[in-house]
Each structure stands twice: as structure tokens, then as C-alpha cells.
Amino acid sequence: MRLFHRDRRDDSAAHRRIYARFEIAYTTVDFLAALMFIIGSVMFFSDAWQVTGTWLFLVGSFFFAAKPTLRLWREVKLYRLGDLEDLAARANGRD
């Protein structure tokens, strides 16, 4: 079983549930990152708001960094779930 294999998300109800939860988290993080960058960009039009805008860019950058982290975490969970089901099937004499 490989990481980042698209067919794995439909292997079972547990796989679909994990995949859906991580897609919601991924979309939320993506939205928040974009929002921080938009607000930070608007704040750069005013000298008084540039420091706050810079902080929003930094927070948005952390959100963007969380995206691949979430994707890798999801794939590891799906990978482990698949392995557990394979092991359970082998333990019951099924291949």
C-alpha cells in the first residue's frame, strides 16, 4: 500500500470518514490562509496598519504550511488504517 494513493479513500466507511474530515480541515486552513493574506494586503495600504498586516501575513504563512502537514497526516492515517484491516483479515484466515 502506497501513500497518496487516490483509491484508498473509498476502501471502507472509516477511510471515507477520515478523508472527509481531513478535506474539511484542509479547506478551512486554505480559506483562513487566504483570508489572512487578503486582510494583510489591505492593511498595507495604511502606514498605521502595516505591523498588523505583517503579522497577518505570518499567520497566513503558518496556515499555508499546515496544508501539506494535514495532507501527510491524513495519508499516514489512511495507510495505517489499511494495514490494520489487512492484518485483521490475515488473522481471520482471509487474504
C-alpha atoms as a PDB file:
ATOM      1  CA  MET A   1       0.000   0.000   0.000  1.00  0.00           C
ATOM      2  CA  ARG A   2       1.424   3.387  -1.040  1.00  0.00           C
ATOM      3  CA  LEU A   3       0.954   6.828   0.447  1.00  0.00           C
ATOM      4  CA  PHE A   4      -1.072   9.352  -1.587  1.00  0.00           C
ATOM      5  CA  HIS A   5      -3.000   6.679  -3.467  1.00  0.00           C
ATOM      6  CA  ARG A   6      -6.359   8.156  -4.546  1.00  0.00           C
ATOM      7  CA  ASP A   7      -8.260   4.873  -4.489  1.00  0.00           C
ATOM      8  CA  ARG A   8      -7.608   4.364  -0.770  1.00  0.00           C
ATOM      9  CA  ARG A   9     -10.168   6.971   0.298  1.00  0.00           C
ATOM     10  CA  ASP A  10     -13.004   4.633  -0.744  1.00  0.00           C
ATOM     11  CA  ASP A  11     -11.671   1.434   0.863  1.00  0.00           C
ATOM     12  CA  SER A  12     -14.160   1.481   3.746  1.00  0.00           C
ATOM     13  CA  ALA A  13     -16.529   3.697   5.714  1.00  0.00           C
ATOM     14  CA  ALA A  14     -13.677   4.530   8.113  1.00  0.00           C
ATOM     15  CA  HIS A  15     -11.496   5.593   5.181  1.00  0.00           C
ATOM     16  CA  ARG A  16     -14.261   7.827   3.807  1.00  0.00           C
ATOM     17  CA  ARG A  17     -14.852   9.379   7.244  1.00  0.00           C
ATOM     18  CA  ILE A  18     -11.147  10.178   7.753  1.00  0.00           C
ATOM     19  CA  TYR A  19     -10.824  11.522   4.234  1.00  0.00           C
ATOM     20  CA  ALA A  20     -13.877  13.771   4.638  1.00  0.00           C
ATOM     21  CA  ARG A  21     -12.707  15.168   7.987  1.00  0.00           C
ATOM     22  CA  PHE A  22      -9.294  16.000   6.607  1.00  0.00           C
ATOM     23  CA  GLU A  23     -10.801  17.593   3.484  1.00  0.00           C
ATOM     24  CA  ILE A  24     -12.877  19.878   5.740  1.00  0.00           C
ATOM     25  CA  ALA A  25      -9.786  20.767   7.787  1.00  0.00           C
ATOM     26  CA  TYR A  26      -7.723  21.315   4.630  1.00  0.00           C
ATOM     27  CA  THR A  27     -10.362  23.603   3.097  1.00  0.00           C
ATOM     28  CA  THR A  28     -10.754  25.543   6.361  1.00  0.00           C
ATOM     29  CA  VAL A  29      -6.995  26.072   6.652  1.00  0.00           C
ATOM     30  CA  ASP A  30      -6.810  27.095   2.999  1.00  0.00           C
ATOM     31  CA  PHE A  31      -9.642  29.602   3.458  1.00  0.00           C
ATOM     32  CA  LEU A  32      -8.100  31.078   6.632  1.00  0.00           C
ATOM     33  CA  ALA A  33      -4.692  31.433   4.968  1.00  0.00           C
ATOM     34  CA  ALA A  34      -6.217  33.279   2.017  1.00  0.00           C
ATOM     35  CA  LEU A  35      -8.271  35.478   4.346  1.00  0.00           C
ATOM     36  CA  MET A  36      -5.171  36.427   6.387  1.00  0.00           C
ATOM     37  CA  PHE A  37      -3.315  37.371   3.206  1.00  0.00           C
ATOM     38  CA  ILE A  38      -6.207  39.449   1.844  1.00  0.00           C
ATOM     39  CA  ILE A  39      -6.702  41.329   5.107  1.00  0.00           C
ATOM     40  CA  GLY A  40      -2.928  41.761   5.493  1.00  0.00           C
ATOM     41  CA  SER A  41      -2.693  43.129   1.953  1.00  0.00           C
ATOM     42  CA  VAL A  42      -5.418  45.700   2.614  1.00  0.00           C
ATOM     43  CA  MET A  43      -3.686  46.746   5.829  1.00  0.00           C
ATOM     44  CA  PHE A  44      -0.505  47.517   3.884  1.00  0.00           C
ATOM     45  CA  PHE A  45      -2.262  50.490   2.258  1.00  0.00           C
ATOM     46  CA  SER A  46      -2.075  52.308   5.598  1.00  0.00           C
ATOM     47  CA  ASP A  47       1.195  53.020   7.433  1.00  0.00           C
ATOM     48  CA  ALA A  48      -0.620  52.668  10.770  1.00  0.00           C
ATOM     49  CA  TRP A  49      -1.708  49.086   9.957  1.00  0.00           C
ATOM     50  CA  GLN A  50       1.479  47.705   8.374  1.00  0.00           C
ATOM     51  CA  VAL A  51       2.728  45.948  11.505  1.00  0.00           C
ATOM     52  CA  THR A  52      -0.634  44.215  11.996  1.00  0.00           C
ATOM     53  CA  GLY A  53      -0.676  43.365   8.288  1.00  0.00           C
ATOM     54  CA  THR A  54       2.786  41.818   8.603  1.00  0.00           C
ATOM     55  CA  TRP A  55       1.573  39.660  11.485  1.00  0.00           C
ATOM     56  CA  LEU A  56      -1.391  38.510   9.395  1.00  0.00           C
ATOM     57  CA  PHE A  57       0.996  37.530   6.603  1.00  0.00           C
ATOM     58  CA  LEU A  58       2.965  35.486   9.137  1.00  0.00           C
ATOM     59  CA  VAL A  59      -0.181  33.790  10.474  1.00  0.00           C
ATOM     60  CA  GLY A  60      -1.336  33.115   6.897  1.00  0.00           C
ATOM     61  CA  SER A  61       2.060  31.574   6.141  1.00  0.00           C
ATOM     62  CA  PHE A  62       1.641  29.174   9.056  1.00  0.00           C
ATOM     63  CA  PHE A  63      -1.773  28.206   7.701  1.00  0.00           C
ATOM     64  CA  PHE A  64      -0.244  27.563   4.276  1.00  0.00           C
ATOM     65  CA  ALA A  65       2.442  25.432   5.959  1.00  0.00           C
ATOM     66  CA  ALA A  66      -0.283  23.453   7.732  1.00  0.00           C
ATOM     67  CA  LYS A  67      -1.783  22.350   4.400  1.00  0.00           C
ATOM     68  CA  PRO A  68       0.892  19.809   3.421  1.00  0.00           C
ATOM     69  CA  THR A  69       1.142  18.754   7.058  1.00  0.00           C
ATOM     70  CA  LEU A  70      -2.583  17.928   7.106  1.00  0.00           C
ATOM     71  CA  ARG A  71      -2.333  16.072   3.809  1.00  0.00           C
ATOM     72  CA  LEU A  72       0.604  13.951   5.036  1.00  0.00           C
ATOM     73  CA  TRP A  73      -1.118  13.257   8.378  1.00  0.00           C
ATOM     74  CA  ARG A  74      -4.283  12.138   6.534  1.00  0.00           C
ATOM     75  CA  GLU A  75      -2.316   9.825   4.274  1.00  0.00           C
ATOM     76  CA  VAL A  76      -0.461   8.232   7.186  1.00  0.00           C
ATOM     77  CA  LYS A  77      -3.782   7.641   8.998  1.00  0.00           C
ATOM     78  CA  LEU A  78      -5.300   6.079   5.871  1.00  0.00           C
ATOM     79  CA  TYR A  79      -2.180   3.986   5.338  1.00  0.00           C
ATOM     80  CA  ARG A  80      -2.259   2.697   8.912  1.00  0.00           C
ATOM     81  CA  LEU A  81      -5.990   2.007   8.699  1.00  0.00           C
ATOM     82  CA  GLY A  82      -5.433  -0.060   5.571  1.00  0.00           C
ATOM     83  CA  ASP A  83      -2.643  -2.009   7.220  1.00  0.00           C
ATOM     84  CA  LEU A  84      -4.785  -2.751  10.268  1.00  0.00           C
ATOM     85  CA  GLU A  85      -7.605  -4.063   8.095  1.00  0.00           C
ATOM     86  CA  ASP A  86      -5.130  -6.200   6.121  1.00  0.00           C
ATOM     87  CA  LEU A  87      -3.693  -7.592   9.363  1.00  0.00           C
ATOM     88  CA  ALA A  88      -7.174  -8.327  10.728  1.00  0.00           C
ATOM     89  CA  ALA A  89      -8.097 -10.138   7.510  1.00  0.00           C
ATOM     90  CA  ARG A  90      -4.915 -12.223   7.689  1.00  0.00           C
ATOM     91  CA  ALA A  91      -5.554 -13.044  11.347  1.00  0.00           C
ATOM     92  CA  ASN A  92      -9.008 -14.361  10.420  1.00  0.00           C
ATOM     93  CA  GLY A  93      -7.534 -16.530   7.662  1.00  0.00           C
ATOM     94  CA  ARG A  94      -8.617 -14.266   4.814  1.00  0.00           C
ATOM     95  CA  ASP A  95      -6.209 -12.864   2.229  1.00  0.00           C
END
